[in-house]
Amino acid sequence: MILVDSSVWIDFFRGADTPQTDRLDALLDREIIAVGDLILTEVLQGFDSDRDFRQAAALMEALPIFDLAGSDVALKAARNFRTLRTLGVTTRKTIDTIIATFCIERELPLLYSDRDFDPFAKHLGLKSAMAQK
């Protein structure tokens, strides 16, 4: 199972040709793809047309959807943020810290194109789905 971040989903729905969207396209046929509740919100709020919104929502709602936060993940995310800050890294978005922490805690690979996740991979053990075969 792989969790896919909004950075990849947004490019995917826009038809962008990136290494991450190519990977998502390949994984859709052979891997369980999951989405988080916060990711679902980030992706779906960006659609202008009702038709596109409904199509994307139907596709994403057919996938396993995780509740990403909760008190346990929230506390660990705060610790991870602080750990990175002591290393000179400040994550720009709290949601990214929660997503990364959720994946780290569950040893779930994350498919992402947002550079904010790189320090989590480098210092805290986040698994990148791009690195997997």
N, C-alpha and C. Protein backbone atom coordinates (compact mmCIF):
# COMPACT_ATOMS: atom_id res chain seq x y z
N MET A 1 0.85 -1.18 0.00
CA MET A 1 0.00 0.00 0.00
C MET A 1 0.89 1.24 0.00
N ILE A 2 0.47 2.23 -0.76
CA ILE A 2 1.20 3.48 -0.89
C ILE A 2 0.22 4.64 -0.71
N LEU A 3 0.63 5.63 0.08
CA LEU A 3 -0.16 6.84 0.23
C LEU A 3 0.34 7.85 -0.81
N VAL A 4 -0.58 8.51 -1.48
CA VAL A 4 -0.21 9.49 -2.52
C VAL A 4 -0.59 10.88 -2.04
N ASP A 5 0.40 11.78 -2.06
CA ASP A 5 0.21 13.15 -1.60
C ASP A 5 -0.55 13.98 -2.64
N SER A 6 -1.14 15.06 -2.16
CA SER A 6 -1.89 15.96 -3.04
C SER A 6 -1.02 16.55 -4.15
N SER A 7 0.26 16.74 -3.89
CA SER A 7 1.15 17.30 -4.91
C SER A 7 1.16 16.43 -6.17
N VAL A 8 1.04 15.13 -5.99
CA VAL A 8 1.01 14.20 -7.14
C VAL A 8 -0.39 14.13 -7.73
N TRP A 9 -1.40 14.03 -6.88
CA TRP A 9 -2.78 13.97 -7.37
C TRP A 9 -3.13 15.19 -8.21
N ILE A 10 -2.72 16.37 -7.76
CA ILE A 10 -3.05 17.59 -8.49
C ILE A 10 -2.43 17.55 -9.89
N ASP A 11 -1.16 17.18 -9.95
CA ASP A 11 -0.51 17.04 -11.27
C ASP A 11 -1.19 15.97 -12.11
N PHE A 12 -1.57 14.87 -11.48
CA PHE A 12 -2.23 13.76 -12.17
C PHE A 12 -3.54 14.23 -12.82
N PHE A 13 -4.37 14.92 -12.06
CA PHE A 13 -5.66 15.38 -12.58
C PHE A 13 -5.51 16.51 -13.61
N ARG A 14 -4.41 17.23 -13.54
CA ARG A 14 -4.14 18.27 -14.54
C ARG A 14 -3.53 17.70 -15.81
N GLY A 15 -3.18 16.43 -15.79
CA GLY A 15 -2.57 15.79 -16.95
C GLY A 15 -1.09 16.09 -17.11
N ALA A 16 -0.45 16.53 -16.03
CA ALA A 16 0.98 16.83 -16.10
C ALA A 16 1.78 15.53 -16.23
N ASP A 17 2.79 15.57 -17.07
CA ASP A 17 3.65 14.41 -17.27
C ASP A 17 4.90 14.59 -16.42
N THR A 18 4.91 13.95 -15.25
CA THR A 18 6.05 14.02 -14.34
C THR A 18 6.45 12.60 -13.95
N PRO A 19 7.64 12.42 -13.42
CA PRO A 19 8.02 11.08 -12.95
C PRO A 19 7.03 10.55 -11.90
N GLN A 20 6.51 11.43 -11.06
CA GLN A 20 5.58 11.01 -10.01
C GLN A 20 4.22 10.61 -10.58
N THR A 21 3.71 11.37 -11.57
CA THR A 21 2.42 10.98 -12.16
C THR A 21 2.57 9.71 -12.98
N ASP A 22 3.72 9.54 -13.62
CA ASP A 22 3.97 8.28 -14.34
C ASP A 22 3.98 7.11 -13.36
N ARG A 23 4.60 7.33 -12.20
CA ARG A 23 4.67 6.28 -11.17
C ARG A 23 3.27 5.97 -10.66
N LEU A 24 2.48 7.00 -10.39
CA LEU A 24 1.10 6.79 -9.94
C LEU A 24 0.31 6.00 -10.97
N ASP A 25 0.43 6.39 -12.22
CA ASP A 25 -0.28 5.70 -13.29
C ASP A 25 0.09 4.21 -13.32
N ALA A 26 1.37 3.92 -13.17
CA ALA A 26 1.84 2.52 -13.16
C ALA A 26 1.36 1.78 -11.92
N LEU A 27 1.34 2.46 -10.78
CA LEU A 27 0.96 1.82 -9.52
C LEU A 27 -0.54 1.54 -9.43
N LEU A 28 -1.35 2.34 -10.11
CA LEU A 28 -2.80 2.15 -10.03
C LEU A 28 -3.23 0.76 -10.48
N ASP A 29 -2.45 0.13 -11.33
CA ASP A 29 -2.79 -1.21 -11.83
C ASP A 29 -2.25 -2.34 -10.97
N ARG A 30 -1.29 -2.06 -10.08
CA ARG A 30 -0.65 -3.18 -9.39
C ARG A 30 -0.41 -2.99 -7.90
N GLU A 31 -0.86 -1.90 -7.34
CA GLU A 31 -0.60 -1.61 -5.93
C GLU A 31 -1.86 -1.01 -5.32
N ILE A 32 -2.04 -1.20 -4.03
CA ILE A 32 -3.14 -0.52 -3.34
C ILE A 32 -2.71 0.91 -3.10
N ILE A 33 -3.47 1.83 -3.63
CA ILE A 33 -3.20 3.26 -3.48
C ILE A 33 -4.17 3.80 -2.45
N ALA A 34 -3.64 4.51 -1.48
CA ALA A 34 -4.47 5.08 -0.42
C ALA A 34 -4.37 6.61 -0.46
N VAL A 35 -5.32 7.23 0.18
CA VAL A 35 -5.37 8.69 0.27
C VAL A 35 -5.71 9.04 1.72
N GLY A 36 -5.29 10.20 2.14
CA GLY A 36 -5.63 10.68 3.47
C GLY A 36 -6.74 11.70 3.40
N ASP A 37 -7.46 11.84 4.50
CA ASP A 37 -8.58 12.79 4.53
C ASP A 37 -8.14 14.22 4.21
N LEU A 38 -7.00 14.63 4.75
CA LEU A 38 -6.51 15.99 4.47
C LEU A 38 -6.06 16.14 3.02
N ILE A 39 -5.50 15.08 2.47
CA ILE A 39 -5.09 15.08 1.06
C ILE A 39 -6.33 15.18 0.17
N LEU A 40 -7.35 14.42 0.51
CA LEU A 40 -8.61 14.46 -0.24
C LEU A 40 -9.15 15.89 -0.30
N THR A 41 -9.13 16.57 0.83
CA THR A 41 -9.59 17.96 0.87
C THR A 41 -8.73 18.86 0.01
N GLU A 42 -7.41 18.74 0.14
CA GLU A 42 -6.50 19.60 -0.65
C GLU A 42 -6.72 19.43 -2.14
N VAL A 43 -6.92 18.19 -2.57
CA VAL A 43 -7.09 17.92 -4.01
C VAL A 43 -8.44 18.41 -4.50
N LEU A 44 -9.50 18.01 -3.84
CA LEU A 44 -10.84 18.30 -4.34
C LEU A 44 -11.23 19.77 -4.28
N GLN A 45 -10.67 20.50 -3.34
CA GLN A 45 -11.03 21.93 -3.24
C GLN A 45 -10.52 22.74 -4.43
N GLY A 46 -9.61 22.17 -5.21
CA GLY A 46 -9.03 22.89 -6.34
C GLY A 46 -9.80 22.80 -7.64
N PHE A 47 -10.84 21.98 -7.70
CA PHE A 47 -11.58 21.82 -8.96
C PHE A 47 -12.57 22.96 -9.16
N ASP A 48 -12.57 23.52 -10.37
CA ASP A 48 -13.50 24.60 -10.71
C ASP A 48 -14.85 24.05 -11.17
N SER A 49 -14.81 23.00 -11.99
CA SER A 49 -16.05 22.47 -12.56
C SER A 49 -16.65 21.39 -11.66
N ASP A 50 -17.97 21.42 -11.53
CA ASP A 50 -18.67 20.41 -10.74
C ASP A 50 -18.45 19.01 -11.32
N ARG A 51 -18.44 18.92 -12.62
CA ARG A 51 -18.25 17.63 -13.30
C ARG A 51 -16.89 17.03 -12.95
N ASP A 52 -15.83 17.83 -13.07
CA ASP A 52 -14.49 17.35 -12.74
C ASP A 52 -14.38 17.00 -11.26
N PHE A 53 -15.00 17.82 -10.42
CA PHE A 53 -15.01 17.54 -8.97
C PHE A 53 -15.65 16.18 -8.69
N ARG A 54 -16.81 15.94 -9.29
CA ARG A 54 -17.52 14.67 -9.05
C ARG A 54 -16.71 13.47 -9.54
N GLN A 55 -16.09 13.60 -10.71
CA GLN A 55 -15.29 12.49 -11.25
C GLN A 55 -14.08 12.20 -10.36
N ALA A 56 -13.39 13.24 -9.95
CA ALA A 56 -12.21 13.06 -9.09
C ALA A 56 -12.63 12.50 -7.73
N ALA A 57 -13.72 13.01 -7.18
CA ALA A 57 -14.20 12.54 -5.88
C ALA A 57 -14.56 11.06 -5.96
N ALA A 58 -15.23 10.66 -7.03
CA ALA A 58 -15.61 9.25 -7.19
C ALA A 58 -14.38 8.36 -7.26
N LEU A 59 -13.37 8.79 -8.01
CA LEU A 59 -12.15 7.99 -8.11
C LEU A 59 -11.45 7.89 -6.75
N MET A 60 -11.32 9.00 -6.07
CA MET A 60 -10.58 9.02 -4.81
C MET A 60 -11.35 8.34 -3.68
N GLU A 61 -12.67 8.47 -3.68
CA GLU A 61 -13.47 7.83 -2.63
C GLU A 61 -13.49 6.31 -2.76
N ALA A 62 -13.12 5.80 -3.93
CA ALA A 62 -13.05 4.35 -4.13
C ALA A 62 -11.77 3.76 -3.52
N LEU A 63 -10.84 4.62 -3.15
CA LEU A 63 -9.58 4.19 -2.56
C LEU A 63 -9.70 4.13 -1.03
N PRO A 64 -8.83 3.37 -0.38
CA PRO A 64 -8.81 3.44 1.09
C PRO A 64 -8.48 4.87 1.52
N ILE A 65 -9.26 5.39 2.46
CA ILE A 65 -9.04 6.76 2.96
C ILE A 65 -8.71 6.67 4.45
N PHE A 66 -7.56 7.24 4.81
CA PHE A 66 -7.13 7.25 6.20
C PHE A 66 -7.42 8.60 6.84
N ASP A 67 -7.81 8.55 8.13
CA ASP A 67 -7.85 9.74 8.95
C ASP A 67 -6.41 9.97 9.40
N LEU A 68 -5.79 11.04 8.96
CA LEU A 68 -4.35 11.22 9.14
C LEU A 68 -3.94 11.72 10.51
N ALA A 69 -4.75 12.53 11.13
CA ALA A 69 -4.32 13.11 12.40
C ALA A 69 -4.84 12.30 13.57
N GLY A 70 -5.22 12.93 14.61
CA GLY A 70 -5.55 12.28 15.86
C GLY A 70 -4.47 12.66 16.86
N SER A 71 -4.74 12.47 18.12
CA SER A 71 -3.81 12.97 19.14
C SER A 71 -2.44 12.31 19.06
N ASP A 72 -2.38 11.01 18.77
CA ASP A 72 -1.10 10.31 18.71
C ASP A 72 -0.23 10.87 17.58
N VAL A 73 -0.78 10.96 16.39
CA VAL A 73 -0.02 11.49 15.26
C VAL A 73 0.28 12.97 15.47
N ALA A 74 -0.66 13.71 16.05
CA ALA A 74 -0.44 15.14 16.28
C ALA A 74 0.78 15.37 17.18
N LEU A 75 0.89 14.60 18.25
CA LEU A 75 2.04 14.74 19.15
C LEU A 75 3.34 14.34 18.46
N LYS A 76 3.31 13.26 17.73
CA LYS A 76 4.51 12.81 17.03
C LYS A 76 4.90 13.79 15.92
N ALA A 77 3.91 14.37 15.26
CA ALA A 77 4.18 15.36 14.21
C ALA A 77 4.85 16.59 14.81
N ALA A 78 4.39 17.03 15.97
CA ALA A 78 5.01 18.18 16.64
C ALA A 78 6.47 17.86 17.00
N ARG A 79 6.69 16.64 17.48
CA ARG A 79 8.07 16.23 17.79
C ARG A 79 8.93 16.19 16.53
N ASN A 80 8.38 15.65 15.46
CA ASN A 80 9.14 15.60 14.20
C ASN A 80 9.46 16.99 13.68
N PHE A 81 8.50 17.90 13.76
CA PHE A 81 8.73 19.28 13.34
C PHE A 81 9.88 19.89 14.14
N ARG A 82 9.84 19.68 15.46
CA ARG A 82 10.87 20.23 16.33
C ARG A 82 12.23 19.60 16.05
N THR A 83 12.25 18.30 15.79
CA THR A 83 13.51 17.62 15.47
C THR A 83 14.12 18.21 14.21
N LEU A 84 13.31 18.37 13.18
CA LEU A 84 13.82 18.96 11.94
C LEU A 84 14.29 20.40 12.15
N ARG A 85 13.57 21.13 12.97
CA ARG A 85 13.95 22.53 13.23
C ARG A 85 15.32 22.59 13.91
N THR A 86 15.61 21.63 14.80
CA THR A 86 16.94 21.62 15.44
C THR A 86 18.03 21.30 14.43
N LEU A 87 17.65 20.68 13.31
CA LEU A 87 18.60 20.39 12.23
C LEU A 87 18.67 21.52 11.21
N GLY A 88 17.94 22.59 11.47
CA GLY A 88 17.96 23.74 10.57
C GLY A 88 16.93 23.68 9.46
N VAL A 89 15.97 22.78 9.57
CA VAL A 89 14.94 22.61 8.55
C VAL A 89 13.59 23.03 9.13
N THR A 90 12.91 23.93 8.44
CA THR A 90 11.57 24.32 8.86
C THR A 90 10.58 23.90 7.77
N THR A 91 9.67 23.03 8.13
CA THR A 91 8.63 22.59 7.20
C THR A 91 7.62 23.72 7.03
N ARG A 92 7.24 23.98 5.78
CA ARG A 92 6.37 25.11 5.49
C ARG A 92 4.91 24.87 5.85
N LYS A 93 4.46 23.61 5.81
CA LYS A 93 3.04 23.33 6.02
C LYS A 93 2.84 22.26 7.10
N THR A 94 1.98 22.56 8.04
CA THR A 94 1.67 21.62 9.10
C THR A 94 1.08 20.34 8.53
N ILE A 95 0.24 20.46 7.51
CA ILE A 95 -0.37 19.27 6.90
C ILE A 95 0.70 18.31 6.39
N ASP A 96 1.76 18.84 5.80
CA ASP A 96 2.84 17.97 5.31
C ASP A 96 3.52 17.24 6.47
N THR A 97 3.67 17.92 7.59
CA THR A 97 4.26 17.28 8.77
C THR A 97 3.37 16.14 9.26
N ILE A 98 2.07 16.35 9.25
CA ILE A 98 1.13 15.31 9.67
C ILE A 98 1.17 14.13 8.70
N ILE A 99 1.16 14.41 7.40
CA ILE A 99 1.19 13.35 6.39
C ILE A 99 2.47 12.54 6.52
N ALA A 100 3.60 13.21 6.61
CA ALA A 100 4.88 12.51 6.73
C ALA A 100 4.93 11.66 8.00
N THR A 101 4.47 12.22 9.10
CA THR A 101 4.49 11.48 10.37
C THR A 101 3.59 10.27 10.31
N PHE A 102 2.40 10.43 9.74
CA PHE A 102 1.49 9.29 9.58
C PHE A 102 2.18 8.16 8.82
N CYS A 103 2.83 8.51 7.72
CA CYS A 103 3.52 7.49 6.90
C CYS A 103 4.70 6.87 7.63
N ILE A 104 5.47 7.68 8.34
CA ILE A 104 6.60 7.16 9.11
C ILE A 104 6.12 6.17 10.16
N GLU A 105 5.10 6.54 10.89
CA GLU A 105 4.59 5.69 11.98
C GLU A 105 4.03 4.36 11.46
N ARG A 106 3.45 4.37 10.29
CA ARG A 106 2.85 3.15 9.73
C ARG A 106 3.75 2.45 8.71
N GLU A 107 4.97 3.02 8.56
CA GLU A 107 5.92 2.48 7.59
C GLU A 107 5.29 2.36 6.20
N LEU A 108 4.55 3.38 5.85
CA LEU A 108 3.81 3.44 4.59
C LEU A 108 4.57 4.35 3.62
N PRO A 109 4.95 3.85 2.45
CA PRO A 109 5.62 4.71 1.49
C PRO A 109 4.71 5.84 1.03
N LEU A 110 5.31 6.99 0.77
CA LEU A 110 4.58 8.16 0.30
C LEU A 110 5.06 8.53 -1.09
N LEU A 111 4.13 8.70 -2.01
CA LEU A 111 4.45 9.20 -3.34
C LEU A 111 4.18 10.70 -3.32
N TYR A 112 5.24 11.47 -3.51
CA TYR A 112 5.13 12.93 -3.40
C TYR A 112 6.04 13.62 -4.40
N SER A 113 5.72 14.88 -4.68
CA SER A 113 6.62 15.71 -5.47
C SER A 113 6.93 17.02 -4.76
N ASP A 114 6.41 17.19 -3.57
CA ASP A 114 6.61 18.38 -2.75
C ASP A 114 7.92 18.24 -1.98
N ARG A 115 8.86 19.15 -2.20
CA ARG A 115 10.18 19.06 -1.58
C ARG A 115 10.14 19.12 -0.05
N ASP A 116 9.04 19.57 0.53
CA ASP A 116 8.94 19.61 1.99
C ASP A 116 9.05 18.24 2.63
N PHE A 117 8.80 17.19 1.85
CA PHE A 117 8.89 15.84 2.41
C PHE A 117 10.33 15.30 2.42
N ASP A 118 11.21 15.91 1.64
CA ASP A 118 12.58 15.40 1.56
C ASP A 118 13.30 15.32 2.91
N PRO A 119 13.20 16.34 3.79
CA PRO A 119 13.87 16.20 5.08
C PRO A 119 13.31 15.06 5.95
N PHE A 120 12.04 14.77 5.78
CA PHE A 120 11.46 13.64 6.53
C PHE A 120 12.07 12.33 6.05
N ALA A 121 12.32 12.24 4.74
CA ALA A 121 12.95 11.05 4.18
C ALA A 121 14.43 10.99 4.61
N LYS A 122 15.10 12.11 4.55
CA LYS A 122 16.53 12.14 4.85
C LYS A 122 16.83 11.91 6.33
N HIS A 123 16.03 12.50 7.22
CA HIS A 123 16.37 12.49 8.64
C HIS A 123 15.47 11.62 9.52
N LEU A 124 14.25 11.35 9.07
CA LEU A 124 13.29 10.70 9.97
C LEU A 124 12.75 9.36 9.48
N GLY A 125 13.22 8.90 8.34
CA GLY A 125 12.85 7.56 7.88
C GLY A 125 11.61 7.46 7.01
N LEU A 126 11.11 8.59 6.49
CA LEU A 126 9.99 8.51 5.55
C LEU A 126 10.43 7.75 4.31
N LYS A 127 9.61 6.81 3.88
CA LYS A 127 9.91 6.02 2.68
C LYS A 127 9.28 6.68 1.47
N SER A 128 10.10 6.92 0.44
CA SER A 128 9.58 7.49 -0.80
C SER A 128 9.14 6.36 -1.72
N ALA A 129 7.94 6.49 -2.27
CA ALA A 129 7.45 5.49 -3.20
C ALA A 129 8.20 5.54 -4.53
N MET A 130 8.94 6.62 -4.78
CA MET A 130 9.75 6.70 -6.00
C MET A 130 10.98 5.80 -5.87
N ALA A 131 11.39 5.52 -4.66
CA ALA A 131 12.59 4.72 -4.44
C ALA A 131 12.30 3.22 -4.47
N GLN A 132 11.03 2.87 -4.45
CA GLN A 132 10.63 1.46 -4.43
C GLN A 132 10.50 0.91 -5.84
N LYS A 133 10.69 -0.39 -5.94
CA LYS A 133 10.55 -1.05 -7.25
C LYS A 133 9.21 -1.70 -7.39
